[in-house]
């Protein structure tokens, strides 16, 4: 999806974010709108929080 948006004239205004349990990317379309796309693995997030405690 990100690749298609860039091919259509959009840009990726910041680097991808990988937090282990969450991954996200952003695009800016030709009209200047920002779109954030992310995936969050809730089970991995809970494990990370338990390991901190």
N, C-alpha and C. Protein backbone atom coordinates (compact mmCIF):
# COMPACT_ATOMS: atom_id res chain seq x y z
N UNK A 1 0.82 -1.18 0.00
CA UNK A 1 0.00 0.00 0.00
C UNK A 1 0.87 1.26 0.00
N UNK A 2 1.89 1.25 0.84
CA UNK A 2 2.78 2.40 0.89
C UNK A 2 3.48 2.60 -0.45
N UNK A 3 3.94 1.50 -1.03
CA UNK A 3 4.60 1.58 -2.33
C UNK A 3 3.70 2.15 -3.41
N UNK A 4 2.44 1.72 -3.42
CA UNK A 4 1.48 2.25 -4.40
C UNK A 4 1.26 3.74 -4.20
N UNK A 5 1.17 4.17 -2.96
CA UNK A 5 0.96 5.60 -2.67
C UNK A 5 2.15 6.43 -3.14
N UNK A 6 3.35 5.93 -2.93
CA UNK A 6 4.55 6.65 -3.36
C UNK A 6 4.62 6.69 -4.88
N UNK A 7 4.30 5.59 -5.54
CA UNK A 7 4.29 5.56 -7.01
C UNK A 7 3.29 6.55 -7.58
N UNK A 8 2.20 6.82 -6.84
CA UNK A 8 1.16 7.73 -7.31
C UNK A 8 1.49 9.20 -6.99
N UNK A 9 2.67 9.45 -6.41
CA UNK A 9 3.07 10.83 -6.15
C UNK A 9 3.16 11.22 -4.69
N UNK A 10 2.83 10.31 -3.80
CA UNK A 10 2.93 10.60 -2.38
C UNK A 10 4.37 10.48 -1.91
N UNK A 11 4.61 10.89 -0.67
CA UNK A 11 5.94 10.78 -0.09
C UNK A 11 5.84 10.10 1.27
N UNK A 12 6.96 9.59 1.73
CA UNK A 12 7.03 9.00 3.07
C UNK A 12 7.77 10.03 3.94
N UNK A 13 7.03 10.82 4.74
CA UNK A 13 7.63 11.96 5.45
C UNK A 13 8.55 11.59 6.61
N UNK A 14 8.45 10.38 7.12
CA UNK A 14 9.33 9.95 8.21
C UNK A 14 9.62 8.46 8.07
N UNK A 15 10.67 8.04 8.77
CA UNK A 15 11.08 6.64 8.70
C UNK A 15 10.05 5.74 9.38
N UNK A 16 10.06 4.47 9.00
CA UNK A 16 9.17 3.50 9.63
C UNK A 16 9.55 3.36 11.11
N UNK A 17 8.58 2.96 11.91
CA UNK A 17 8.78 2.80 13.35
C UNK A 17 8.56 1.34 13.70
N UNK A 18 9.56 0.71 14.30
CA UNK A 18 9.45 -0.69 14.70
C UNK A 18 9.76 -0.78 16.19
N UNK A 19 8.73 -1.07 16.99
CA UNK A 19 8.88 -1.17 18.43
C UNK A 19 8.81 -2.63 18.90
N UNK A 20 8.96 -3.56 17.98
CA UNK A 20 8.89 -4.97 18.31
C UNK A 20 7.46 -5.48 18.31
N UNK A 21 6.61 -4.91 19.12
CA UNK A 21 5.20 -5.31 19.20
C UNK A 21 4.30 -4.43 18.33
N UNK A 22 4.88 -3.32 17.78
CA UNK A 22 4.11 -2.43 16.92
C UNK A 22 5.02 -1.93 15.80
N UNK A 23 4.47 -1.91 14.58
CA UNK A 23 5.20 -1.44 13.41
C UNK A 23 4.32 -0.44 12.67
N UNK A 24 4.89 0.69 12.29
CA UNK A 24 4.10 1.69 11.59
C UNK A 24 4.88 2.43 10.52
N UNK A 25 4.15 2.91 9.54
CA UNK A 25 4.71 3.75 8.47
C UNK A 25 3.72 4.87 8.18
N UNK A 26 4.22 5.92 7.56
CA UNK A 26 3.38 7.08 7.24
C UNK A 26 3.58 7.47 5.79
N UNK A 27 2.53 8.02 5.21
CA UNK A 27 2.63 8.60 3.87
C UNK A 27 1.93 9.94 3.87
N UNK A 28 2.35 10.78 2.97
CA UNK A 28 1.69 12.06 2.74
C UNK A 28 1.21 12.05 1.29
N UNK A 29 -0.10 12.21 1.08
CA UNK A 29 -0.63 12.14 -0.28
C UNK A 29 -0.37 13.46 -1.01
N UNK A 30 -0.73 13.50 -2.29
CA UNK A 30 -0.43 14.67 -3.11
C UNK A 30 -1.20 15.92 -2.68
N UNK A 31 -2.23 15.75 -1.87
CA UNK A 31 -2.98 16.88 -1.34
C UNK A 31 -2.45 17.35 0.02
N UNK A 32 -1.43 16.66 0.53
CA UNK A 32 -0.83 17.05 1.79
C UNK A 32 -1.39 16.34 3.01
N UNK A 33 -2.33 15.43 2.81
CA UNK A 33 -2.90 14.68 3.94
C UNK A 33 -1.92 13.62 4.42
N UNK A 34 -1.80 13.49 5.73
CA UNK A 34 -0.93 12.48 6.32
C UNK A 34 -1.74 11.25 6.70
N UNK A 35 -1.20 10.08 6.40
CA UNK A 35 -1.85 8.81 6.69
C UNK A 35 -0.86 7.94 7.45
N UNK A 36 -1.27 7.42 8.58
CA UNK A 36 -0.45 6.52 9.37
C UNK A 36 -1.04 5.12 9.28
N UNK A 37 -0.21 4.16 8.95
CA UNK A 37 -0.62 2.76 8.84
C UNK A 37 0.22 1.98 9.83
N UNK A 38 -0.44 1.19 10.68
CA UNK A 38 0.34 0.44 11.66
C UNK A 38 -0.28 -0.92 11.96
N UNK A 39 0.56 -1.78 12.50
CA UNK A 39 0.14 -3.10 12.96
C UNK A 39 0.59 -3.22 14.40
N UNK A 40 -0.29 -3.70 15.26
CA UNK A 40 0.03 -3.88 16.66
C UNK A 40 -0.31 -5.31 17.08
N UNK A 41 0.68 -6.01 17.62
CA UNK A 41 0.50 -7.37 18.13
C UNK A 41 0.23 -7.25 19.63
N UNK A 42 -1.04 -7.29 20.01
CA UNK A 42 -1.41 -7.06 21.41
C UNK A 42 -0.84 -8.12 22.35
N UNK A 43 -0.72 -9.36 21.89
CA UNK A 43 -0.17 -10.39 22.78
C UNK A 43 1.31 -10.11 23.06
N UNK A 44 2.06 -9.65 22.08
CA UNK A 44 3.46 -9.31 22.29
C UNK A 44 3.59 -8.06 23.16
N UNK A 45 2.65 -7.12 23.03
CA UNK A 45 2.66 -5.92 23.85
C UNK A 45 2.49 -6.29 25.32
N UNK A 46 1.57 -7.20 25.60
CA UNK A 46 1.33 -7.63 26.98
C UNK A 46 2.57 -8.31 27.56
N UNK A 47 3.26 -9.11 26.77
CA UNK A 47 4.47 -9.78 27.22
C UNK A 47 5.56 -8.76 27.55
N UNK A 48 5.68 -7.72 26.71
CA UNK A 48 6.67 -6.67 26.94
C UNK A 48 6.38 -5.94 28.23
N UNK A 49 5.11 -5.62 28.49
CA UNK A 49 4.73 -4.92 29.71
C UNK A 49 4.98 -5.80 30.94
N UNK A 50 4.71 -7.09 30.84
CA UNK A 50 4.94 -8.00 31.96
C UNK A 50 6.43 -8.12 32.28
N UNK A 51 7.27 -8.09 31.24
CA UNK A 51 8.72 -8.20 31.45
C UNK A 51 9.28 -6.95 32.12
N UNK A 52 8.63 -5.80 31.96
CA UNK A 52 9.09 -4.56 32.58
C UNK A 52 8.79 -4.55 34.08
N UNK A 53 7.66 -5.16 34.47
CA UNK A 53 7.15 -5.10 35.84
C UNK A 53 7.95 -5.90 36.77
